[in-house]
């Protein structure tokens, strides 16, 4: 995790399953998304507006 990222959190719907994604708010109010099984792996960064649009369609 870089200094620009906040704490990652996992969805409460994930329970104890290991196939999860985690999300963190970045310093510039974007969202960083990662695979919970690879916390030091690649990140997908999405704008705040893009994240809201994504979540509204779930």
Protein backbone atom coordinates (compact mmCIF):
# COMPACT_ATOMS: atom_id res chain seq x y z
CA UNK A 1 0.00 0.00 0.00
CA UNK A 2 1.35 3.40 -0.86
CA UNK A 3 1.04 6.54 1.26
CA UNK A 4 -1.71 7.78 -1.08
CA UNK A 5 -4.07 4.97 -0.08
CA UNK A 6 -6.18 4.66 3.02
CA UNK A 7 -7.09 1.47 4.83
CA UNK A 8 -8.46 -1.29 2.66
CA UNK A 9 -11.78 -2.81 3.66
CA UNK A 10 -13.60 -5.92 2.56
CA UNK A 11 -17.34 -6.09 1.92
CA UNK A 12 -19.41 -7.33 4.85
CA UNK A 13 -21.06 -9.66 2.31
CA UNK A 14 -17.76 -11.51 1.88
CA UNK A 15 -17.98 -13.32 5.21
CA UNK A 16 -15.17 -15.82 5.57
CA UNK A 17 -14.79 -16.48 1.85
CA UNK A 18 -11.34 -15.92 0.39
CA UNK A 19 -12.48 -14.79 -3.09
CA UNK A 20 -12.91 -11.13 -2.27
CA UNK A 21 -11.89 -7.70 -3.41
CA UNK A 22 -10.93 -4.91 -1.05
CA UNK A 23 -11.35 -1.19 -1.58
CA UNK A 24 -9.64 1.91 -0.14
CA UNK A 25 -10.19 5.63 -0.61
CA UNK A 26 -7.10 7.36 -2.00
CA UNK A 27 -5.80 10.82 -1.12
CA UNK A 28 -7.39 12.28 -4.26
CA UNK A 29 -10.81 10.70 -3.43
CA UNK A 30 -10.47 7.89 -5.98
CA UNK A 31 -10.86 4.22 -5.08
CA UNK A 32 -8.10 1.62 -5.12
CA UNK A 33 -9.33 -1.95 -5.56
CA UNK A 34 -7.25 -5.10 -4.97
CA UNK A 35 -7.58 -8.86 -4.65
CA UNK A 36 -7.72 -9.82 -0.95
CA UNK A 37 -5.53 -12.86 -1.65
CA UNK A 38 -2.78 -10.64 -3.12
CA UNK A 39 -2.57 -7.57 -0.85
CA UNK A 40 0.75 -6.53 -2.42
CA UNK A 41 -0.40 -7.24 -5.98
CA UNK A 42 -1.65 -4.81 -8.61
CA UNK A 43 -4.29 -2.19 -7.88
CA UNK A 44 -7.15 -0.98 -10.02
CA UNK A 45 -7.73 2.74 -9.44
CA UNK A 46 -11.14 4.21 -10.25
CA UNK A 47 -12.34 7.82 -9.97
CA UNK A 48 -14.86 8.62 -7.25
CA UNK A 49 -17.49 9.25 -9.91
CA UNK A 50 -16.71 5.96 -11.63
CA UNK A 51 -16.92 4.08 -8.32
CA UNK A 52 -20.34 5.59 -7.52
CA UNK A 53 -21.64 4.62 -10.96
CA UNK A 54 -20.33 1.08 -10.49
CA UNK A 55 -21.88 0.65 -7.04
CA UNK A 56 -25.25 2.03 -8.21
CA UNK A 57 -25.45 -0.77 -10.77
CA UNK A 58 -24.83 -3.62 -8.31
